[in-house]
């Protein structure tokens, strides 16, 4: 077990390259491709948010209309029942 662990560590250390001494991590930029990818992700997020808001609004309006129709139907049913109960 320990021999296998040591062998694995040796393989990882042997494969890991040493960094270039002239490499400056402060000069690394994503470039044009990174900007385009980031912009597309941001645009997709905005479009998805707008779509969700539209769907929520549509669902809310449908629920309000359904409540109004049910209230009107109950009012009509109540009026018809009251007019049938009156003696003539």
N, C-alpha and C. Protein backbone atom coordinates (compact mmCIF):
# COMPACT_ATOMS: atom_id res chain seq x y z
N UNK A 1 0.82 -1.19 0.00
CA UNK A 1 0.00 0.00 0.00
C UNK A 1 0.87 1.25 0.00
N UNK A 2 1.85 1.30 0.91
CA UNK A 2 2.73 2.46 1.01
C UNK A 2 3.60 2.56 -0.25
N UNK A 3 4.05 1.41 -0.77
CA UNK A 3 4.88 1.41 -1.97
C UNK A 3 4.08 1.96 -3.15
N UNK A 4 2.82 1.56 -3.23
CA UNK A 4 1.95 2.04 -4.30
C UNK A 4 1.71 3.54 -4.19
N UNK A 5 1.53 4.04 -2.96
CA UNK A 5 1.33 5.47 -2.74
C UNK A 5 2.58 6.25 -3.12
N UNK A 6 3.74 5.74 -2.72
CA UNK A 6 5.00 6.40 -3.08
C UNK A 6 5.20 6.41 -4.59
N UNK A 7 4.84 5.33 -5.24
CA UNK A 7 4.98 5.25 -6.69
C UNK A 7 4.06 6.26 -7.37
N UNK A 8 2.84 6.42 -6.85
CA UNK A 8 1.90 7.39 -7.41
C UNK A 8 2.41 8.81 -7.23
N UNK A 9 2.95 9.11 -6.07
CA UNK A 9 3.48 10.45 -5.81
C UNK A 9 4.67 10.73 -6.74
N UNK A 10 5.52 9.74 -6.94
CA UNK A 10 6.67 9.91 -7.82
C UNK A 10 6.22 10.16 -9.26
N UNK A 11 5.20 9.48 -9.70
CA UNK A 11 4.69 9.67 -11.06
C UNK A 11 4.13 11.07 -11.22
N UNK A 12 3.36 11.53 -10.24
CA UNK A 12 2.78 12.87 -10.31
C UNK A 12 3.86 13.93 -10.31
N UNK A 13 4.84 13.77 -9.46
CA UNK A 13 5.91 14.75 -9.40
C UNK A 13 6.76 14.73 -10.67
N UNK A 14 6.93 13.57 -11.28
CA UNK A 14 7.73 13.48 -12.50
C UNK A 14 6.99 14.11 -13.68
N UNK A 15 5.67 14.03 -13.70
CA UNK A 15 4.87 14.54 -14.81
C UNK A 15 4.67 16.05 -14.69
N UNK A 16 4.64 16.58 -13.48
CA UNK A 16 4.39 18.00 -13.27
C UNK A 16 5.57 18.82 -13.78
N UNK A 17 5.33 19.70 -14.78
CA UNK A 17 6.44 20.49 -15.31
C UNK A 17 6.78 21.65 -14.38
N UNK A 18 7.99 22.08 -14.45
CA UNK A 18 8.38 23.25 -13.67
C UNK A 18 7.98 24.50 -14.45
N UNK A 19 7.51 25.54 -13.76
CA UNK A 19 7.09 26.74 -14.48
C UNK A 19 8.27 27.46 -15.12
N UNK A 20 7.99 28.10 -16.22
CA UNK A 20 9.01 28.87 -16.93
C UNK A 20 9.40 30.08 -16.08
N UNK A 21 10.68 30.34 -15.88
CA UNK A 21 11.07 31.47 -15.03
C UNK A 21 10.71 32.82 -15.66
N UNK A 22 10.50 32.89 -16.97
CA UNK A 22 10.14 34.14 -17.63
C UNK A 22 8.63 34.38 -17.65
N UNK A 23 7.87 33.44 -17.14
CA UNK A 23 6.41 33.54 -17.16
C UNK A 23 5.93 34.53 -16.10
N UNK A 24 5.12 35.50 -16.52
CA UNK A 24 4.55 36.48 -15.59
C UNK A 24 3.04 36.26 -15.53
N UNK A 25 2.48 35.77 -14.42
CA UNK A 25 1.04 35.48 -14.35
C UNK A 25 0.18 36.74 -14.45
N UNK A 26 0.76 37.91 -14.26
CA UNK A 26 -0.02 39.14 -14.36
C UNK A 26 -0.30 39.56 -15.79
N UNK A 27 0.41 38.98 -16.75
CA UNK A 27 0.21 39.34 -18.15
C UNK A 27 -0.74 38.39 -18.88
N UNK A 28 -1.25 37.41 -18.21
CA UNK A 28 -2.14 36.44 -18.84
C UNK A 28 -3.54 37.04 -18.94
N UNK A 29 -4.11 37.03 -20.14
CA UNK A 29 -5.47 37.54 -20.36
C UNK A 29 -6.27 36.49 -21.12
N UNK A 30 -7.58 36.53 -21.01
CA UNK A 30 -8.39 35.55 -21.73
C UNK A 30 -8.44 35.82 -23.23
N UNK A 31 -8.16 37.03 -23.65
CA UNK A 31 -8.15 37.34 -25.07
C UNK A 31 -9.55 37.55 -25.63
N UNK A 32 -9.62 37.61 -26.93
CA UNK A 32 -10.89 37.87 -27.62
C UNK A 32 -11.85 36.70 -27.44
N UNK A 33 -11.33 35.50 -27.49
CA UNK A 33 -12.20 34.32 -27.35
C UNK A 33 -12.85 34.30 -25.96
N UNK A 34 -12.08 34.61 -24.95
CA UNK A 34 -12.64 34.66 -23.59
C UNK A 34 -13.71 35.73 -23.47
N UNK A 35 -13.48 36.89 -24.08
CA UNK A 35 -14.49 37.95 -24.04
C UNK A 35 -15.77 37.52 -24.75
N UNK A 36 -15.63 36.90 -25.89
CA UNK A 36 -16.81 36.47 -26.66
C UNK A 36 -17.60 35.42 -25.87
N UNK A 37 -16.91 34.47 -25.29
CA UNK A 37 -17.58 33.43 -24.50
C UNK A 37 -18.29 34.05 -23.30
N UNK A 38 -17.61 34.96 -22.60
CA UNK A 38 -18.22 35.62 -21.45
C UNK A 38 -19.43 36.44 -21.87
N UNK A 39 -19.35 37.15 -22.99
CA UNK A 39 -20.47 37.94 -23.49
C UNK A 39 -21.65 37.05 -23.85
N UNK A 40 -21.40 35.93 -24.50
CA UNK A 40 -22.48 35.01 -24.87
C UNK A 40 -23.16 34.43 -23.63
N UNK A 41 -22.39 34.09 -22.62
CA UNK A 41 -22.98 33.58 -21.38
C UNK A 41 -23.82 34.66 -20.72
N UNK A 42 -23.34 35.89 -20.69
CA UNK A 42 -24.10 36.99 -20.09
C UNK A 42 -25.37 37.25 -20.87
N UNK A 43 -25.29 37.24 -22.19
CA UNK A 43 -26.48 37.48 -23.02
C UNK A 43 -27.50 36.37 -22.82
N UNK A 44 -27.05 35.13 -22.76
CA UNK A 44 -27.97 34.01 -22.53
C UNK A 44 -28.63 34.13 -21.17
N UNK A 45 -27.90 34.56 -20.16
CA UNK A 45 -28.47 34.73 -18.83
C UNK A 45 -29.54 35.81 -18.83
N UNK A 46 -29.27 36.92 -19.48
CA UNK A 46 -30.26 38.01 -19.55
C UNK A 46 -31.51 37.54 -20.29
N UNK A 47 -31.34 36.84 -21.40
CA UNK A 47 -32.49 36.36 -22.16
C UNK A 47 -33.30 35.34 -21.35
N UNK A 48 -32.63 34.47 -20.63
CA UNK A 48 -33.35 33.51 -19.79
C UNK A 48 -34.13 34.21 -18.68
N UNK A 49 -33.54 35.23 -18.07
CA UNK A 49 -34.24 35.98 -17.03
C UNK A 49 -35.47 36.67 -17.59
N UNK A 50 -35.35 37.28 -18.76
CA UNK A 50 -36.51 37.93 -19.38
C UNK A 50 -37.61 36.91 -19.69
N UNK A 51 -37.22 35.74 -20.17
CA UNK A 51 -38.20 34.70 -20.48
C UNK A 51 -38.91 34.23 -19.21
N UNK A 52 -38.18 34.05 -18.13
CA UNK A 52 -38.79 33.61 -16.87
C UNK A 52 -39.76 34.66 -16.35
N UNK A 53 -39.37 35.93 -16.42
CA UNK A 53 -40.26 37.00 -15.96
C UNK A 53 -41.53 37.01 -16.80
N UNK A 54 -41.39 36.86 -18.11
CA UNK A 54 -42.56 36.84 -18.99
C UNK A 54 -43.50 35.67 -18.66
N UNK A 55 -42.92 34.51 -18.41
CA UNK A 55 -43.75 33.34 -18.10
C UNK A 55 -44.45 33.49 -16.75
N UNK A 56 -43.76 34.04 -15.77
CA UNK A 56 -44.38 34.25 -14.45
C UNK A 56 -45.51 35.26 -14.57
N UNK A 57 -45.28 36.33 -15.31
CA UNK A 57 -46.32 37.35 -15.50
C UNK A 57 -47.54 36.76 -16.21
N UNK A 58 -47.31 35.95 -17.23
CA UNK A 58 -48.40 35.32 -17.97
C UNK A 58 -49.21 34.39 -17.06
N UNK A 59 -48.52 33.64 -16.22
CA UNK A 59 -49.21 32.74 -15.29
C UNK A 59 -50.04 33.52 -14.28
N UNK A 60 -49.51 34.62 -13.80
CA UNK A 60 -50.24 35.45 -12.85
C UNK A 60 -51.49 36.03 -13.49
N UNK A 61 -51.37 36.53 -14.71
CA UNK A 61 -52.53 37.09 -15.40
C UNK A 61 -53.59 36.02 -15.64
N UNK A 62 -53.16 34.84 -16.02
CA UNK A 62 -54.13 33.75 -16.25
C UNK A 62 -54.87 33.40 -14.96
N UNK A 63 -54.17 33.40 -13.83
CA UNK A 63 -54.82 33.09 -12.56
C UNK A 63 -55.82 34.19 -12.19
N UNK A 64 -55.46 35.46 -12.43
CA UNK A 64 -56.39 36.56 -12.14
C UNK A 64 -57.64 36.47 -13.01
N UNK A 65 -57.46 36.18 -14.28
CA UNK A 65 -58.62 36.06 -15.19
C UNK A 65 -59.49 34.88 -14.78
N UNK A 66 -58.87 33.78 -14.40
CA UNK A 66 -59.64 32.61 -13.97
C UNK A 66 -60.46 32.94 -12.73
N UNK A 67 -59.88 33.68 -11.78
CA UNK A 67 -60.62 34.08 -10.58
C UNK A 67 -61.79 34.99 -10.93
N UNK A 68 -61.56 35.93 -11.85
CA UNK A 68 -62.65 36.83 -12.26
C UNK A 68 -63.78 36.06 -12.92
N UNK A 69 -63.45 35.13 -13.80
CA UNK A 69 -64.48 34.34 -14.47
C UNK A 69 -65.27 33.50 -13.47
N UNK A 70 -64.57 32.92 -12.49
CA UNK A 70 -65.26 32.13 -11.48
C UNK A 70 -66.17 33.01 -10.63
N UNK A 71 -65.70 34.23 -10.31
CA UNK A 71 -66.54 35.14 -9.52
C UNK A 71 -67.77 35.56 -10.32
N UNK A 72 -67.61 35.86 -11.61
CA UNK A 72 -68.75 36.22 -12.44
C UNK A 72 -69.73 35.06 -12.56
N UNK A 73 -69.18 33.86 -12.73
CA UNK A 73 -70.06 32.68 -12.84
C UNK A 73 -70.81 32.45 -11.53
N UNK A 74 -70.16 32.62 -10.40
CA UNK A 74 -70.83 32.45 -9.11
C UNK A 74 -71.89 33.53 -8.93
N UNK A 75 -71.60 34.74 -9.38
CA UNK A 75 -72.59 35.83 -9.27
C UNK A 75 -73.80 35.53 -10.14
N UNK A 76 -73.58 35.05 -11.36
CA UNK A 76 -74.71 34.70 -12.24
C UNK A 76 -75.53 33.56 -11.64
N UNK A 77 -74.82 32.55 -11.11
CA UNK A 77 -75.55 31.42 -10.51
C UNK A 77 -76.35 31.89 -9.31
N UNK A 78 -75.80 32.81 -8.53
CA UNK A 78 -76.50 33.35 -7.37
C UNK A 78 -77.72 34.16 -7.79
N UNK A 79 -77.62 34.96 -8.84
CA UNK A 79 -78.74 35.75 -9.33
C UNK A 79 -79.84 34.86 -9.89
N UNK A 80 -79.48 33.82 -10.61
CA UNK A 80 -80.48 32.92 -11.17
C UNK A 80 -81.20 32.17 -10.06
N UNK A 81 -80.48 31.78 -9.03
CA UNK A 81 -81.10 31.08 -7.90
C UNK A 81 -82.03 32.00 -7.14
N UNK A 82 -81.66 33.26 -7.00
CA UNK A 82 -82.49 34.23 -6.26
C UNK A 82 -83.74 34.55 -7.06
N UNK A 83 -83.64 34.64 -8.37
CA UNK A 83 -84.82 34.99 -9.18
C UNK A 83 -85.79 33.80 -9.22
N UNK A 84 -85.31 32.58 -9.13
CA UNK A 84 -86.19 31.40 -9.14
C UNK A 84 -86.89 31.23 -7.80
N UNK A 85 -86.34 31.75 -6.71
CA UNK A 85 -86.92 31.58 -5.39
C UNK A 85 -88.04 32.60 -5.11
N UNK A 86 -88.14 33.67 -5.88
CA UNK A 86 -89.14 34.70 -5.62
C UNK A 86 -90.52 34.21 -6.06
N UNK A 87 -91.50 34.37 -5.22
CA UNK A 87 -92.86 34.01 -5.65
C UNK A 87 -93.43 35.10 -6.56
N UNK A 88 -94.17 34.70 -7.53
CA UNK A 88 -94.75 35.66 -8.46
C UNK A 88 -96.21 35.83 -8.27
